[in-house]
Amino acid sequence: MPESAKTTQAPVVQREDPLTEALLRAKSWMTELANDSSFCRADIARREGLTRARVTQLLALNRIPSDAPQQVRLEMSAGRRPVSIRALLRLID
């Protein structure tokens, strides 16, 4: 088969679970905001295609208790339905 006729498959990207992705995004954004005083939540929202309100919600995940994500994962592995970000935000204070 000629080189040009070979089909290339896109590499399979392993995605994290939604909870991990949200926590990683929130942590990354918080770092960006801390490192650049001219950078704001609106900048993140524009770049990510989200509303400022959603960025604010996700940034609040930085304040949930450190053991909460692991507890949620344990419950989900035991067959409980996934927890929403809104439910996680209720864990704050």
N, C-alpha and C. Protein backbone atom coordinates (compact mmCIF):
# COMPACT_ATOMS: atom_id res chain seq x y z
N MET A 1 0.85 -1.17 0.00
CA MET A 1 0.00 0.00 0.00
C MET A 1 0.90 1.24 0.00
N PRO A 2 0.65 2.21 -0.89
CA PRO A 2 1.47 3.41 -0.93
C PRO A 2 1.31 4.23 0.36
N GLU A 3 2.35 4.98 0.69
CA GLU A 3 2.35 5.80 1.91
C GLU A 3 1.15 6.74 1.97
N SER A 4 0.82 7.38 0.85
CA SER A 4 -0.26 8.36 0.85
C SER A 4 -1.63 7.73 1.05
N ALA A 5 -1.75 6.44 0.79
CA ALA A 5 -3.05 5.77 0.92
C ALA A 5 -3.31 5.26 2.33
N LYS A 6 -2.28 5.26 3.17
CA LYS A 6 -2.47 4.78 4.54
C LYS A 6 -3.32 5.78 5.32
N THR A 7 -4.20 5.24 6.12
CA THR A 7 -5.00 6.12 6.97
C THR A 7 -4.34 6.22 8.34
N THR A 8 -4.33 7.40 8.84
CA THR A 8 -3.75 7.60 10.16
C THR A 8 -4.88 7.83 11.14
N GLN A 9 -4.78 7.15 12.23
CA GLN A 9 -5.78 7.32 13.27
C GLN A 9 -5.26 8.30 14.29
N ALA A 10 -6.17 9.12 14.73
CA ALA A 10 -5.79 10.08 15.78
C ALA A 10 -5.49 9.30 17.05
N PRO A 11 -4.51 9.75 17.81
CA PRO A 11 -4.21 9.05 19.06
C PRO A 11 -5.39 9.15 20.02
N VAL A 12 -5.59 8.10 20.75
CA VAL A 12 -6.67 8.08 21.73
C VAL A 12 -6.20 8.84 22.96
N VAL A 13 -6.96 9.85 23.31
CA VAL A 13 -6.61 10.65 24.48
C VAL A 13 -7.42 10.15 25.66
N GLN A 14 -6.72 9.78 26.70
CA GLN A 14 -7.38 9.30 27.91
C GLN A 14 -7.84 10.51 28.71
N ARG A 15 -9.14 10.65 28.88
CA ARG A 15 -9.67 11.79 29.64
C ARG A 15 -9.81 11.40 31.10
N GLU A 16 -9.60 12.38 31.94
CA GLU A 16 -9.83 12.18 33.36
C GLU A 16 -11.34 12.16 33.59
N ASP A 17 -11.74 11.72 34.77
CA ASP A 17 -13.15 11.79 35.09
C ASP A 17 -13.53 13.26 35.23
N PRO A 18 -14.80 13.61 35.06
CA PRO A 18 -15.22 15.02 35.09
C PRO A 18 -14.83 15.74 36.39
N LEU A 19 -14.87 15.04 37.50
CA LEU A 19 -14.50 15.66 38.77
C LEU A 19 -13.03 16.06 38.76
N THR A 20 -12.18 15.16 38.34
CA THR A 20 -10.75 15.44 38.29
C THR A 20 -10.47 16.58 37.31
N GLU A 21 -11.13 16.55 36.15
CA GLU A 21 -10.93 17.62 35.17
C GLU A 21 -11.33 18.97 35.75
N ALA A 22 -12.46 19.03 36.43
CA ALA A 22 -12.91 20.30 37.01
C ALA A 22 -11.94 20.78 38.07
N LEU A 23 -11.45 19.88 38.91
CA LEU A 23 -10.50 20.27 39.96
C LEU A 23 -9.18 20.74 39.37
N LEU A 24 -8.70 20.06 38.33
CA LEU A 24 -7.45 20.47 37.68
C LEU A 24 -7.59 21.83 37.01
N ARG A 25 -8.72 22.05 36.36
CA ARG A 25 -8.96 23.35 35.72
C ARG A 25 -8.98 24.45 36.77
N ALA A 26 -9.70 24.22 37.84
CA ALA A 26 -9.81 25.23 38.89
C ALA A 26 -8.45 25.56 39.48
N LYS A 27 -7.66 24.55 39.72
CA LYS A 27 -6.32 24.77 40.28
C LYS A 27 -5.44 25.54 39.30
N SER A 28 -5.49 25.16 38.04
CA SER A 28 -4.70 25.83 37.01
C SER A 28 -5.10 27.30 36.88
N TRP A 29 -6.39 27.55 36.86
CA TRP A 29 -6.87 28.93 36.75
C TRP A 29 -6.46 29.76 37.96
N MET A 30 -6.54 29.17 39.14
CA MET A 30 -6.16 29.90 40.35
C MET A 30 -4.68 30.29 40.28
N THR A 31 -3.86 29.39 39.78
CA THR A 31 -2.44 29.68 39.62
C THR A 31 -2.23 30.83 38.63
N GLU A 32 -2.96 30.78 37.51
CA GLU A 32 -2.86 31.86 36.53
C GLU A 32 -3.24 33.20 37.14
N LEU A 33 -4.33 33.22 37.89
CA LEU A 33 -4.79 34.46 38.50
C LEU A 33 -3.79 34.99 39.54
N ALA A 34 -3.16 34.07 40.27
CA ALA A 34 -2.20 34.47 41.29
C ALA A 34 -0.91 34.99 40.68
N ASN A 35 -0.53 34.46 39.52
CA ASN A 35 0.74 34.83 38.90
C ASN A 35 0.68 36.07 38.02
N ASP A 36 -0.51 36.48 37.61
CA ASP A 36 -0.64 37.63 36.72
C ASP A 36 -1.77 38.52 37.19
N SER A 37 -1.43 39.64 37.81
CA SER A 37 -2.46 40.52 38.40
C SER A 37 -3.33 41.18 37.34
N SER A 38 -2.89 41.21 36.08
CA SER A 38 -3.72 41.82 35.03
C SER A 38 -4.70 40.81 34.43
N PHE A 39 -4.56 39.55 34.80
CA PHE A 39 -5.41 38.47 34.29
C PHE A 39 -6.63 38.36 35.18
N CYS A 40 -7.81 38.20 34.60
CA CYS A 40 -9.03 38.13 35.43
C CYS A 40 -9.92 36.98 34.99
N ARG A 41 -10.97 36.76 35.75
CA ARG A 41 -11.90 35.67 35.48
C ARG A 41 -12.56 35.82 34.10
N ALA A 42 -12.80 37.05 33.71
CA ALA A 42 -13.39 37.29 32.39
C ALA A 42 -12.45 36.82 31.28
N ASP A 43 -11.15 36.99 31.48
CA ASP A 43 -10.17 36.51 30.49
C ASP A 43 -10.24 34.98 30.37
N ILE A 44 -10.34 34.31 31.50
CA ILE A 44 -10.46 32.85 31.49
C ILE A 44 -11.74 32.44 30.79
N ALA A 45 -12.84 33.12 31.12
CA ALA A 45 -14.14 32.79 30.52
C ALA A 45 -14.09 32.92 29.00
N ARG A 46 -13.52 34.01 28.52
CA ARG A 46 -13.41 34.20 27.07
C ARG A 46 -12.57 33.10 26.42
N ARG A 47 -11.44 32.81 27.02
CA ARG A 47 -10.53 31.81 26.47
C ARG A 47 -11.16 30.42 26.45
N GLU A 48 -11.88 30.08 27.53
CA GLU A 48 -12.45 28.73 27.67
C GLU A 48 -13.84 28.59 27.05
N GLY A 49 -14.44 29.70 26.64
CA GLY A 49 -15.79 29.64 26.08
C GLY A 49 -16.85 29.40 27.13
N LEU A 50 -16.61 29.92 28.33
CA LEU A 50 -17.55 29.76 29.45
C LEU A 50 -18.04 31.13 29.90
N THR A 51 -19.05 31.12 30.74
CA THR A 51 -19.47 32.39 31.33
C THR A 51 -18.59 32.69 32.53
N ARG A 52 -18.57 33.96 32.92
CA ARG A 52 -17.80 34.33 34.11
C ARG A 52 -18.36 33.63 35.34
N ALA A 53 -19.68 33.46 35.37
CA ALA A 53 -20.31 32.79 36.51
C ALA A 53 -19.81 31.34 36.64
N ARG A 54 -19.69 30.66 35.50
CA ARG A 54 -19.22 29.27 35.54
C ARG A 54 -17.76 29.20 35.98
N VAL A 55 -16.95 30.13 35.51
CA VAL A 55 -15.55 30.18 35.95
C VAL A 55 -15.50 30.39 37.45
N THR A 56 -16.33 31.28 37.97
CA THR A 56 -16.38 31.54 39.41
C THR A 56 -16.79 30.29 40.17
N GLN A 57 -17.79 29.56 39.66
CA GLN A 57 -18.22 28.32 40.30
C GLN A 57 -17.08 27.32 40.36
N LEU A 58 -16.40 27.15 39.23
CA LEU A 58 -15.32 26.17 39.19
C LEU A 58 -14.15 26.59 40.07
N LEU A 59 -13.85 27.88 40.12
CA LEU A 59 -12.77 28.35 41.00
C LEU A 59 -13.09 28.07 42.47
N ALA A 60 -14.37 28.07 42.81
CA ALA A 60 -14.77 27.79 44.19
C ALA A 60 -14.41 26.36 44.59
N LEU A 61 -14.20 25.48 43.63
CA LEU A 61 -13.81 24.11 43.96
C LEU A 61 -12.47 24.05 44.67
N ASN A 62 -11.68 25.11 44.54
CA ASN A 62 -10.40 25.16 45.26
C ASN A 62 -10.60 25.22 46.78
N ARG A 63 -11.82 25.51 47.20
CA ARG A 63 -12.08 25.65 48.64
C ARG A 63 -12.76 24.44 49.27
N ILE A 64 -13.05 23.40 48.49
CA ILE A 64 -13.69 22.22 49.09
C ILE A 64 -12.68 21.47 49.94
N PRO A 65 -13.14 20.74 50.94
CA PRO A 65 -12.21 19.97 51.78
C PRO A 65 -11.37 19.02 50.94
N SER A 66 -10.12 18.85 51.30
CA SER A 66 -9.20 18.06 50.48
C SER A 66 -9.60 16.59 50.36
N ASP A 67 -10.33 16.06 51.33
CA ASP A 67 -10.72 14.66 51.25
C ASP A 67 -12.03 14.44 50.48
N ALA A 68 -12.73 15.50 50.13
CA ALA A 68 -14.03 15.38 49.46
C ALA A 68 -13.94 14.68 48.10
N PRO A 69 -13.00 15.04 47.22
CA PRO A 69 -12.96 14.34 45.92
C PRO A 69 -12.75 12.83 46.05
N GLN A 70 -11.89 12.42 46.94
CA GLN A 70 -11.64 10.99 47.12
C GLN A 70 -12.90 10.29 47.64
N GLN A 71 -13.60 10.93 48.56
CA GLN A 71 -14.84 10.36 49.09
C GLN A 71 -15.88 10.21 47.98
N VAL A 72 -15.98 11.22 47.13
CA VAL A 72 -16.93 11.18 46.02
C VAL A 72 -16.58 10.03 45.08
N ARG A 73 -15.30 9.86 44.77
CA ARG A 73 -14.88 8.77 43.88
C ARG A 73 -15.20 7.41 44.48
N LEU A 74 -14.99 7.27 45.78
CA LEU A 74 -15.31 6.00 46.45
C LEU A 74 -16.79 5.69 46.34
N GLU A 75 -17.62 6.70 46.56
CA GLU A 75 -19.07 6.50 46.48
C GLU A 75 -19.49 6.15 45.06
N MET A 76 -18.87 6.81 44.07
CA MET A 76 -19.21 6.51 42.68
C MET A 76 -18.77 5.10 42.29
N SER A 77 -17.62 4.66 42.79
CA SER A 77 -17.16 3.30 42.47
C SER A 77 -18.04 2.25 43.14
N ALA A 78 -18.74 2.64 44.20
CA ALA A 78 -19.66 1.73 44.87
C ALA A 78 -21.03 1.72 44.22
N GLY A 79 -21.16 2.45 43.09
CA GLY A 79 -22.42 2.41 42.36
C GLY A 79 -23.32 3.60 42.56
N ARG A 80 -22.93 4.55 43.38
CA ARG A 80 -23.77 5.74 43.56
C ARG A 80 -23.64 6.62 42.33
N ARG A 81 -24.67 7.39 42.08
CA ARG A 81 -24.63 8.23 40.89
C ARG A 81 -23.61 9.36 41.05
N PRO A 82 -23.11 9.89 39.95
CA PRO A 82 -22.10 10.95 40.02
C PRO A 82 -22.61 12.18 40.76
N VAL A 83 -21.70 12.86 41.39
CA VAL A 83 -22.04 14.06 42.16
C VAL A 83 -21.84 15.27 41.25
N SER A 84 -22.76 16.19 41.31
CA SER A 84 -22.65 17.40 40.50
C SER A 84 -21.69 18.38 41.16
N ILE A 85 -21.21 19.29 40.36
CA ILE A 85 -20.34 20.34 40.90
C ILE A 85 -21.12 21.18 41.91
N ARG A 86 -22.39 21.39 41.64
CA ARG A 86 -23.22 22.15 42.57
C ARG A 86 -23.26 21.47 43.95
N ALA A 87 -23.36 20.14 43.96
CA ALA A 87 -23.35 19.41 45.23
C ALA A 87 -22.01 19.55 45.93
N LEU A 88 -20.92 19.52 45.16
CA LEU A 88 -19.60 19.70 45.75
C LEU A 88 -19.46 21.08 46.38
N LEU A 89 -20.02 22.08 45.72
CA LEU A 89 -19.90 23.44 46.24
C LEU A 89 -20.63 23.61 47.57
N ARG A 90 -21.62 22.75 47.83
CA ARG A 90 -22.31 22.80 49.12
C ARG A 90 -21.41 22.37 50.27
N LEU A 91 -20.29 21.70 49.96
CA LEU A 91 -19.36 21.25 50.99
C LEU A 91 -18.50 22.38 51.55
N ILE A 92 -18.52 23.51 50.86
CA ILE A 92 -17.70 24.64 51.29
C ILE A 92 -18.37 25.32 52.47
N ASP A 93 -17.65 25.41 53.53
CA ASP A 93 -18.09 26.06 54.78
C ASP A 93 -19.46 25.70 55.10
